[in-house]
Amino acid sequence: MGTGLLAGLAAGVLGGAALAAAPAVIPDMSTLNPAALKAIIPSKIPWTAAAGLNGTEGATLVGDPSKPGFYVQMNRFHAGNFSHPHYHVNDRYIMVISGTWWVSTSVVFDPEHNTVPMKPGTFVVHTGREVHYDGARAGGEDAVVMIFGQGPGTRHECTGPNAETDGPCAAAKAAQGVK
Protein backbone atom coordinates (compact mmCIF):
# COMPACT_ATOMS: atom_id res chain seq x y z
CA MET A 1 0.00 0.00 0.00
CA GLY A 2 2.88 2.37 0.73
CA THR A 3 4.30 1.77 -2.74
CA GLY A 4 0.92 2.42 -4.38
CA LEU A 5 0.47 5.64 -2.42
CA LEU A 6 3.94 6.85 -3.45
CA ALA A 7 3.31 5.93 -7.08
CA GLY A 8 -0.03 7.81 -7.00
CA LEU A 9 1.60 10.90 -5.45
CA ALA A 10 4.42 10.79 -8.00
CA ALA A 11 1.94 10.53 -10.88
CA GLY A 12 -0.05 13.46 -9.46
CA VAL A 13 3.06 15.62 -9.06
CA LEU A 14 4.33 14.76 -12.54
CA GLY A 15 0.89 15.40 -14.04
CA GLY A 16 0.70 18.76 -12.24
CA ALA A 17 4.19 19.67 -13.48
CA ALA A 18 3.15 18.84 -17.04
CA LEU A 19 0.12 21.11 -16.71
CA ALA A 20 2.24 23.91 -15.24
CA ALA A 21 4.75 23.58 -18.10
CA ALA A 22 2.07 23.73 -20.81
CA PRO A 23 2.18 27.06 -22.65
CA ALA A 24 -0.53 29.51 -21.63
CA VAL A 25 -2.89 30.85 -24.25
CA ILE A 26 -1.85 34.43 -25.03
CA PRO A 27 -4.78 36.76 -25.68
CA ASP A 28 -4.88 38.79 -28.92
CA MET A 29 -4.64 42.62 -28.83
CA SER A 30 -8.29 42.72 -29.94
CA THR A 31 -9.26 41.55 -26.45
CA LEU A 32 -8.05 44.84 -24.93
CA ASN A 33 -10.46 47.67 -24.18
CA PRO A 34 -9.74 50.35 -26.84
CA ALA A 35 -11.00 53.04 -24.46
CA ALA A 36 -8.22 52.08 -22.03
CA LEU A 37 -5.31 51.45 -24.40
CA LYS A 38 -4.21 52.40 -27.90
CA ALA A 39 -1.46 50.32 -29.51
CA ILE A 40 0.16 50.63 -32.92
CA ILE A 41 2.19 47.63 -34.04
CA PRO A 42 5.25 48.39 -36.21
CA SER A 43 3.63 47.23 -39.45
CA LYS A 44 0.76 49.68 -38.87
CA ILE A 45 2.82 52.83 -38.21
CA PRO A 46 1.33 55.48 -40.54
CA TRP A 47 4.54 56.51 -42.38
CA THR A 48 4.25 59.36 -44.91
CA ALA A 49 6.82 61.53 -46.67
CA ALA A 50 8.25 63.96 -44.12
CA ALA A 51 7.60 67.57 -45.12
CA GLY A 52 10.80 69.31 -46.20
CA LEU A 53 13.02 66.27 -45.56
CA ASN A 54 14.01 64.39 -48.71
CA GLY A 55 14.45 60.66 -48.23
CA THR A 56 12.75 60.75 -44.86
CA GLU A 57 9.41 59.44 -43.67
CA GLY A 58 7.50 60.66 -40.65
CA ALA A 59 4.63 59.37 -38.56
CA THR A 60 2.74 61.31 -35.93
CA LEU A 61 1.63 58.96 -33.17
CA VAL A 62 0.13 61.45 -30.69
CA GLY A 63 -0.95 65.08 -30.99
CA ASP A 64 -0.19 67.48 -33.81
CA PRO A 65 3.34 68.95 -34.03
CA SER A 66 2.04 71.99 -35.91
CA LYS A 67 -0.19 73.05 -32.99
CA PRO A 68 0.42 73.91 -29.32
CA GLY A 69 0.51 70.86 -27.08
CA PHE A 70 2.30 67.56 -26.57
CA TYR A 71 3.16 65.40 -29.56
CA VAL A 72 5.05 62.20 -30.37
CA GLN A 73 6.30 61.50 -33.84
CA MET A 74 8.80 59.22 -35.50
CA ASN A 75 11.22 59.96 -38.32
CA ARG A 76 12.82 57.31 -40.52
CA PHE A 77 15.86 58.72 -42.33
CA HIS A 78 16.85 56.56 -45.27
CA ALA A 79 20.60 56.14 -45.75
CA GLY A 80 22.19 59.21 -47.33
CA ASN A 81 19.48 61.66 -46.20
CA PHE A 82 19.84 64.50 -43.73
CA SER A 83 17.98 67.56 -42.59
CA HIS A 84 19.93 70.81 -43.15
CA PRO A 85 21.04 73.15 -40.35
CA HIS A 86 17.94 74.34 -38.53
CA TYR A 87 16.44 74.87 -35.09
CA HIS A 88 13.13 74.45 -33.28
CA VAL A 89 11.68 77.00 -30.88
CA ASN A 90 10.92 74.39 -28.18
CA ASP A 91 13.04 71.60 -26.72
CA ARG A 92 12.62 68.20 -28.37
CA TYR A 93 13.42 64.86 -26.74
CA ILE A 94 14.60 62.09 -29.03
CA MET A 95 15.16 58.35 -28.56
CA VAL A 96 17.09 56.46 -31.23
CA ILE A 97 14.99 53.37 -31.98
CA SER A 98 17.07 51.67 -34.70
CA GLY A 99 20.02 52.25 -36.99
CA THR A 100 22.69 54.87 -36.46
CA TRP A 101 21.45 58.45 -36.31
CA TRP A 102 24.13 61.02 -37.12
CA VAL A 103 23.89 64.51 -35.57
CA SER A 104 25.76 67.82 -35.77
CA THR A 105 25.50 71.18 -34.03
CA SER A 106 27.31 73.02 -36.82
CA VAL A 107 25.81 75.42 -39.36
CA VAL A 108 28.27 73.99 -41.89
CA PHE A 109 26.43 71.18 -43.67
CA ASP A 110 28.94 68.35 -44.01
CA PRO A 111 27.35 65.05 -42.93
CA GLU A 112 30.47 62.99 -43.67
CA HIS A 113 32.78 65.08 -41.46
CA ASN A 114 30.67 67.06 -38.97
CA THR A 115 28.29 64.42 -37.60
CA VAL A 116 28.53 62.19 -34.54
CA PRO A 117 26.88 58.72 -34.37
CA MET A 118 24.01 58.03 -31.99
CA LYS A 119 23.25 54.31 -31.56
CA PRO A 120 19.90 52.65 -30.67
CA GLY A 121 18.85 53.39 -27.11
CA THR A 122 20.58 56.78 -27.07
CA PHE A 123 18.49 59.63 -25.63
CA VAL A 124 19.08 63.12 -27.05
CA VAL A 125 17.73 66.56 -26.12
CA HIS A 126 17.60 69.11 -28.92
CA THR A 127 17.57 72.33 -26.93
CA GLY A 128 15.16 74.92 -28.26
CA ARG A 129 16.61 77.70 -30.43
CA GLU A 130 19.94 75.84 -30.89
CA VAL A 131 21.10 74.94 -34.42
CA HIS A 132 21.61 71.31 -35.44
CA TYR A 133 21.09 68.85 -38.28
CA ASP A 134 20.76 65.08 -38.41
CA GLY A 135 20.11 62.02 -40.54
CA ALA A 136 21.57 58.75 -41.82
CA ARG A 137 24.91 58.58 -43.61
CA ALA A 138 25.22 57.31 -47.18
CA GLY A 139 26.26 53.68 -47.41
CA GLY A 140 24.93 53.02 -43.92
CA GLU A 141 21.61 51.95 -42.53
CA ASP A 142 18.29 53.72 -42.13
CA ALA A 143 17.84 55.47 -38.78
CA VAL A 144 14.54 55.61 -36.89
CA VAL A 145 14.05 58.11 -34.07
CA MET A 146 11.08 58.87 -31.82
CA ILE A 147 10.59 62.56 -31.00
CA PHE A 148 8.65 63.92 -28.02
CA GLY A 149 7.91 67.62 -27.80
CA GLN A 150 5.64 70.57 -27.18
CA GLY A 151 4.18 72.12 -30.30
CA PRO A 152 4.38 73.95 -32.40
CA GLY A 153 7.43 71.94 -33.49
CA THR A 154 8.20 73.96 -36.59
CA ARG A 155 11.65 73.83 -38.20
CA HIS A 156 13.46 77.14 -38.85
CA GLU A 157 16.02 76.70 -41.65
CA CYS A 158 19.50 78.26 -41.48
CA THR A 159 20.53 77.49 -45.07
CA GLY A 160 18.84 77.38 -48.46
CA PRO A 161 16.16 79.56 -50.03
CA ASN A 162 14.05 79.76 -46.84
CA ALA A 163 16.97 80.51 -44.54
CA GLU A 164 16.54 82.92 -41.68
CA THR A 165 18.96 85.83 -41.72
CA ASP A 166 18.76 86.69 -38.03
CA GLY A 167 18.06 85.01 -34.68
CA PRO A 168 19.60 81.64 -33.70
CA CYS A 169 20.84 80.93 -37.26
CA ALA A 170 22.76 84.22 -37.45
CA ALA A 171 24.12 83.77 -33.93
CA ALA A 172 25.34 80.23 -34.74
CA LYS A 173 26.98 81.42 -37.98
CA ALA A 174 28.74 84.27 -36.16
CA ALA A 175 29.92 81.95 -33.37
CA GLN A 176 31.31 79.49 -35.94
CA GLY A 177 32.84 82.19 -38.18
CA VAL A 178 30.53 81.37 -41.09
CA LYS A 179 29.28 84.13 -43.41
C-alpha atoms as a PDB file:
ATOM      1  CA  MET A   1       0.000   0.000   0.000  1.00  0.00           C
ATOM      2  CA  GLY A   2       2.884   2.367   0.731  1.00  0.00           C
ATOM      3  CA  THR A   3       4.304   1.774  -2.745  1.00  0.00           C
ATOM      4  CA  GLY A   4       0.924   2.416  -4.382  1.00  0.00           C
ATOM      5  CA  LEU A   5       0.472   5.637  -2.422  1.00  0.00           C
ATOM      6  CA  LEU A   6       3.940   6.848  -3.452  1.00  0.00           C
ATOM      7  CA  ALA A   7       3.306   5.926  -7.079  1.00  0.00           C
ATOM      8  CA  GLY A   8      -0.032   7.808  -6.995  1.00  0.00           C
ATOM      9  CA  LEU A   9       1.596  10.901  -5.455  1.00  0.00           C
ATOM     10  CA  ALA A  10       4.421  10.792  -7.998  1.00  0.00           C
ATOM     11  CA  ALA A  11       1.935  10.530 -10.876  1.00  0.00           C
ATOM     12  CA  GLY A  12      -0.054  13.457  -9.461  1.00  0.00           C
ATOM     13  CA  VAL A  13       3.062  15.615  -9.055  1.00  0.00           C
ATOM     14  CA  LEU A  14       4.328  14.764 -12.541  1.00  0.00           C
ATOM     15  CA  GLY A  15       0.894  15.402 -14.042  1.00  0.00           C
ATOM     16  CA  GLY A  16       0.699  18.756 -12.241  1.00  0.00           C
ATOM     17  CA  ALA A  17       4.192  19.668 -13.484  1.00  0.00           C
ATOM     18  CA  ALA A  18       3.153  18.840 -17.037  1.00  0.00           C
ATOM     19  CA  LEU A  19       0.123  21.107 -16.711  1.00  0.00           C
ATOM     20  CA  ALA A  20       2.237  23.907 -15.242  1.00  0.00           C
ATOM     21  CA  ALA A  21       4.753  23.584 -18.104  1.00  0.00           C
ATOM     22  CA  ALA A  22       2.073  23.735 -20.810  1.00  0.00           C
ATOM     23  CA  PRO A  23       2.181  27.064 -22.651  1.00  0.00           C
ATOM     24  CA  ALA A  24      -0.525  29.506 -21.633  1.00  0.00           C
ATOM     25  CA  VAL A  25      -2.892  30.854 -24.253  1.00  0.00           C
ATOM     26  CA  ILE A  26      -1.855  34.431 -25.025  1.00  0.00           C
ATOM     27  CA  PRO A  27      -4.778  36.761 -25.684  1.00  0.00           C
ATOM     28  CA  ASP A  28      -4.879  38.785 -28.917  1.00  0.00           C
ATOM     29  CA  MET A  29      -4.642  42.617 -28.830  1.00  0.00           C
ATOM     30  CA  SER A  30      -8.288  42.724 -29.940  1.00  0.00           C
ATOM     31  CA  THR A  31      -9.262  41.547 -26.449  1.00  0.00           C
ATOM     32  CA  LEU A  32      -8.053  44.842 -24.933  1.00  0.00           C
ATOM     33  CA  ASN A  33     -10.459  47.665 -24.177  1.00  0.00           C
ATOM     34  CA  PRO A  34      -9.735  50.349 -26.841  1.00  0.00           C
ATOM     35  CA  ALA A  35     -11.000  53.036 -24.456  1.00  0.00           C
ATOM     36  CA  ALA A  36      -8.221  52.077 -22.031  1.00  0.00           C
ATOM     37  CA  LEU A  37      -5.310  51.451 -24.402  1.00  0.00           C
ATOM     38  CA  LYS A  38      -4.207  52.397 -27.904  1.00  0.00           C
ATOM     39  CA  ALA A  39      -1.457  50.324 -29.513  1.00  0.00           C
ATOM     40  CA  ILE A  40       0.156  50.626 -32.918  1.00  0.00           C
ATOM     41  CA  ILE A  41       2.192  47.634 -34.043  1.00  0.00           C
ATOM     42  CA  PRO A  42       5.254  48.386 -36.211  1.00  0.00           C
ATOM     43  CA  SER A  43       3.630  47.225 -39.453  1.00  0.00           C
ATOM     44  CA  LYS A  44       0.759  49.681 -38.872  1.00  0.00           C
ATOM     45  CA  ILE A  45       2.822  52.833 -38.208  1.00  0.00           C
ATOM     46  CA  PRO A  46       1.333  55.484 -40.541  1.00  0.00           C
ATOM     47  CA  TRP A  47       4.540  56.507 -42.381  1.00  0.00           C
ATOM     48  CA  THR A  48       4.255  59.356 -44.906  1.00  0.00           C
ATOM     49  CA  ALA A  49       6.821  61.534 -46.668  1.00  0.00           C
ATOM     50  CA  ALA A  50       8.253  63.962 -44.115  1.00  0.00           C
ATOM     51  CA  ALA A  51       7.601  67.573 -45.122  1.00  0.00           C
ATOM     52  CA  GLY A  52      10.797  69.307 -46.198  1.00  0.00           C
ATOM     53  CA  LEU A  53      13.024  66.273 -45.558  1.00  0.00           C
ATOM     54  CA  ASN A  54      14.006  64.393 -48.713  1.00  0.00           C
ATOM     55  CA  GLY A  55      14.451  60.659 -48.228  1.00  0.00           C
ATOM     56  CA  THR A  56      12.751  60.748 -44.860  1.00  0.00           C
ATOM     57  CA  GLU A  57       9.409  59.439 -43.668  1.00  0.00           C
ATOM     58  CA  GLY A  58       7.505  60.659 -40.647  1.00  0.00           C
ATOM     59  CA  ALA A  59       4.635  59.368 -38.561  1.00  0.00           C
ATOM     60  CA  THR A  60       2.741  61.314 -35.933  1.00  0.00           C
ATOM     61  CA  LEU A  61       1.630  58.963 -33.168  1.00  0.00           C
ATOM     62  CA  VAL A  62       0.133  61.448 -30.687  1.00  0.00           C
ATOM     63  CA  GLY A  63      -0.947  65.075 -30.993  1.00  0.00           C
ATOM     64  CA  ASP A  64      -0.186  67.482 -33.812  1.00  0.00           C
ATOM     65  CA  PRO A  65       3.344  68.947 -34.028  1.00  0.00           C
ATOM     66  CA  SER A  66       2.038  71.993 -35.912  1.00  0.00           C
ATOM     67  CA  LYS A  67      -0.192  73.047 -32.986  1.00  0.00           C
ATOM     68  CA  PRO A  68       0.417  73.912 -29.321  1.00  0.00           C
ATOM     69  CA  GLY A  69       0.512  70.858 -27.079  1.00  0.00           C
ATOM     70  CA  PHE A  70       2.303  67.559 -26.570  1.00  0.00           C
ATOM     71  CA  TYR A  71       3.157  65.398 -29.562  1.00  0.00           C
ATOM     72  CA  VAL A  72       5.050  62.204 -30.366  1.00  0.00           C
ATOM     73  CA  GLN A  73       6.301  61.499 -33.840  1.00  0.00           C
ATOM     74  CA  MET A  74       8.802  59.218 -35.504  1.00  0.00           C
ATOM     75  CA  ASN A  75      11.219  59.957 -38.319  1.00  0.00           C
ATOM     76  CA  ARG A  76      12.815  57.314 -40.519  1.00  0.00           C
ATOM     77  CA  PHE A  77      15.859  58.721 -42.326  1.00  0.00           C
ATOM     78  CA  HIS A  78      16.847  56.556 -45.270  1.00  0.00           C
ATOM     79  CA  ALA A  79      20.598  56.141 -45.755  1.00  0.00           C
ATOM     80  CA  GLY A  80      22.187  59.213 -47.326  1.00  0.00           C
ATOM     81  CA  ASN A  81      19.483  61.658 -46.202  1.00  0.00           C
ATOM     82  CA  PHE A  82      19.839  64.501 -43.725  1.00  0.00           C
ATOM     83  CA  SER A  83      17.981  67.558 -42.587  1.00  0.00           C
ATOM     84  CA  HIS A  84      19.933  70.807 -43.151  1.00  0.00           C
ATOM     85  CA  PRO A  85      21.042  73.149 -40.350  1.00  0.00           C
ATOM     86  CA  HIS A  86      17.938  74.340 -38.526  1.00  0.00           C
ATOM     87  CA  TYR A  87      16.444  74.871 -35.088  1.00  0.00           C
ATOM     88  CA  HIS A  88      13.130  74.449 -33.285  1.00  0.00           C
ATOM     89  CA  VAL A  89      11.684  76.999 -30.876  1.00  0.00           C
ATOM     90  CA  ASN A  90      10.917  74.385 -28.179  1.00  0.00           C
ATOM     91  CA  ASP A  91      13.043  71.599 -26.724  1.00  0.00           C
ATOM     92  CA  ARG A  92      12.618  68.198 -28.372  1.00  0.00           C
ATOM     93  CA  TYR A  93      13.419  64.858 -26.739  1.00  0.00           C
ATOM     94  CA  ILE A  94      14.599  62.085 -29.029  1.00  0.00           C
ATOM     95  CA  MET A  95      15.162  58.351 -28.560  1.00  0.00           C
ATOM     96  CA  VAL A  96      17.089  56.463 -31.226  1.00  0.00           C
ATOM     97  CA  ILE A  97      14.993  53.374 -31.983  1.00  0.00           C
ATOM     98  CA  SER A  98      17.068  51.670 -34.696  1.00  0.00           C
ATOM     99  CA  GLY A  99      20.019  52.250 -36.991  1.00  0.00           C
ATOM    100  CA  THR A 100      22.686  54.873 -36.458  1.00  0.00           C
ATOM    101  CA  TRP A 101      21.448  58.455 -36.311  1.00  0.00           C
ATOM    102  CA  TRP A 102      24.125  61.022 -37.121  1.00  0.00           C
ATOM    103  CA  VAL A 103      23.890  64.507 -35.574  1.00  0.00           C
ATOM    104  CA  SER A 104      25.756  67.819 -35.770  1.00  0.00           C
ATOM    105  CA  THR A 105      25.504  71.179 -34.027  1.00  0.00           C
ATOM    106  CA  SER A 106      27.314  73.017 -36.822  1.00  0.00           C
ATOM    107  CA  VAL A 107      25.809  75.423 -39.358  1.00  0.00           C
ATOM    108  CA  VAL A 108      28.273  73.987 -41.885  1.00  0.00           C
ATOM    109  CA  PHE A 109      26.425  71.183 -43.671  1.00  0.00           C
ATOM    110  CA  ASP A 110      28.942  68.350 -44.012  1.00  0.00           C
ATOM    111  CA  PRO A 111      27.350  65.051 -42.934  1.00  0.00           C
ATOM    112  CA  GLU A 112      30.465  62.985 -43.674  1.00  0.00           C
ATOM    113  CA  HIS A 113      32.783  65.083 -41.461  1.00  0.00           C
ATOM    114  CA  ASN A 114      30.673  67.062 -38.965  1.00  0.00           C
ATOM    115  CA  THR A 115      28.289  64.423 -37.600  1.00  0.00           C
ATOM    116  CA  VAL A 116      28.526  62.187 -34.536  1.00  0.00           C
ATOM    117  CA  PRO A 117      26.881  58.723 -34.367  1.00  0.00           C
ATOM    118  CA  MET A 118      24.008  58.026 -31.992  1.00  0.00           C
ATOM    119  CA  LYS A 119      23.247  54.313 -31.563  1.00  0.00           C
ATOM    120  CA  PRO A 120      19.895  52.655 -30.671  1.00  0.00           C
ATOM    121  CA  GLY A 121      18.847  53.393 -27.112  1.00  0.00           C
ATOM    122  CA  THR A 122      20.583  56.781 -27.067  1.00  0.00           C
ATOM    123  CA  PHE A 123      18.490  59.630 -25.627  1.00  0.00           C
ATOM    124  CA  VAL A 124      19.080  63.124 -27.055  1.00  0.00           C
ATOM    125  CA  VAL A 125      17.727  66.555 -26.117  1.00  0.00           C
ATOM    126  CA  HIS A 126      17.603  69.112 -28.917  1.00  0.00           C
ATOM    127  CA  THR A 127      17.570  72.325 -26.930  1.00  0.00           C
ATOM    128  CA  GLY A 128      15.155  74.924 -28.261  1.00  0.00           C
ATOM    129  CA  ARG A 129      16.614  77.700 -30.434  1.00  0.00           C
ATOM    130  CA  GLU A 130      19.943  75.839 -30.894  1.00  0.00           C
ATOM    131  CA  VAL A 131      21.103  74.942 -34.422  1.00  0.00           C
ATOM    132  CA  HIS A 132      21.606  71.310 -35.438  1.00  0.00           C
ATOM    133  CA  TYR A 133      21.087  68.854 -38.283  1.00  0.00           C
ATOM    134  CA  ASP A 134      20.760  65.079 -38.413  1.00  0.00           C
ATOM    135  CA  GLY A 135      20.108  62.021 -40.544  1.00  0.00           C
ATOM    136  CA  ALA A 136      21.569  58.746 -41.818  1.00  0.00           C
ATOM    137  CA  ARG A 137      24.908  58.584 -43.611  1.00  0.00           C
ATOM    138  CA  ALA A 138      25.217  57.312 -47.178  1.00  0.00           C
ATOM    139  CA  GLY A 139      26.263  53.683 -47.411  1.00  0.00           C
ATOM    140  CA  GLY A 140      24.931  53.023 -43.920  1.00  0.00           C
ATOM    141  CA  GLU A 141      21.611  51.951 -42.526  1.00  0.00           C
ATOM    142  CA  ASP A 142      18.291  53.722 -42.133  1.00  0.00           C
ATOM    143  CA  ALA A 143      17.836  55.467 -38.777  1.00  0.00           C
ATOM    144  CA  VAL A 144      14.539  55.608 -36.885  1.00  0.00           C
ATOM    145  CA  VAL A 145      14.050  58.115 -34.072  1.00  0.00           C
ATOM    146  CA  MET A 146      11.078  58.866 -31.816  1.00  0.00           C
ATOM    147  CA  ILE A 147      10.586  62.559 -31.005  1.00  0.00           C
ATOM    148  CA  PHE A 148       8.649  63.919 -28.017  1.00  0.00           C
ATOM    149  CA  GLY A 149       7.912  67.618 -27.798  1.00  0.00           C
ATOM    150  CA  GLN A 150       5.638  70.567 -27.182  1.00  0.00           C
ATOM    151  CA  GLY A 151       4.184  72.117 -30.296  1.00  0.00           C
ATOM    152  CA  PRO A 152       4.384  73.946 -32.397  1.00  0.00           C
ATOM    153  CA  GLY A 153       7.429  71.939 -33.489  1.00  0.00           C
ATOM    154  CA  THR A 154       8.199  73.960 -36.594  1.00  0.00           C
ATOM    155  CA  ARG A 155      11.646  73.832 -38.200  1.00  0.00           C
ATOM    156  CA  HIS A 156      13.456  77.137 -38.848  1.00  0.00           C
ATOM    157  CA  GLU A 157      16.017  76.703 -41.650  1.00  0.00           C
ATOM    158  CA  CYS A 158      19.498  78.258 -41.480  1.00  0.00           C
ATOM    159  CA  THR A 159      20.535  77.486 -45.074  1.00  0.00           C
ATOM    160  CA  GLY A 160      18.840  77.381 -48.463  1.00  0.00           C
ATOM    161  CA  PRO A 161      16.160  79.557 -50.035  1.00  0.00           C
ATOM    162  CA  ASN A 162      14.049  79.764 -46.843  1.00  0.00           C
ATOM    163  CA  ALA A 163      16.974  80.509 -44.542  1.00  0.00           C
ATOM    164  CA  GLU A 164      16.542  82.922 -41.683  1.00  0.00           C
ATOM    165  CA  THR A 165      18.958  85.834 -41.719  1.00  0.00           C
ATOM    166  CA  ASP A 166      18.763  86.687 -38.029  1.00  0.00           C
ATOM    167  CA  GLY A 167      18.059  85.010 -34.677  1.00  0.00           C
ATOM    168  CA  PRO A 168      19.596  81.643 -33.703  1.00  0.00           C
ATOM    169  CA  CYS A 169      20.838  80.931 -37.255  1.00  0.00           C
ATOM    170  CA  ALA A 170      22.764  84.220 -37.453  1.00  0.00           C
ATOM    171  CA  ALA A 171      24.122  83.766 -33.928  1.00  0.00           C
ATOM    172  CA  ALA A 172      25.343  80.233 -34.739  1.00  0.00           C
ATOM    173  CA  LYS A 173      26.981  81.419 -37.976  1.00  0.00           C
ATOM    174  CA  ALA A 174      28.745  84.267 -36.159  1.00  0.00           C
ATOM    175  CA  ALA A 175      29.915  81.948 -33.370  1.00  0.00           C
ATOM    176  CA  GLN A 176      31.311  79.488 -35.944  1.00  0.00           C
ATOM    177  CA  GLY A 177      32.837  82.186 -38.179  1.00  0.00           C
ATOM    178  CA  VAL A 178      30.526  81.366 -41.092  1.00  0.00           C
ATOM    179  CA  LYS A 179      29.284  84.134 -43.409  1.00  0.00           C
END
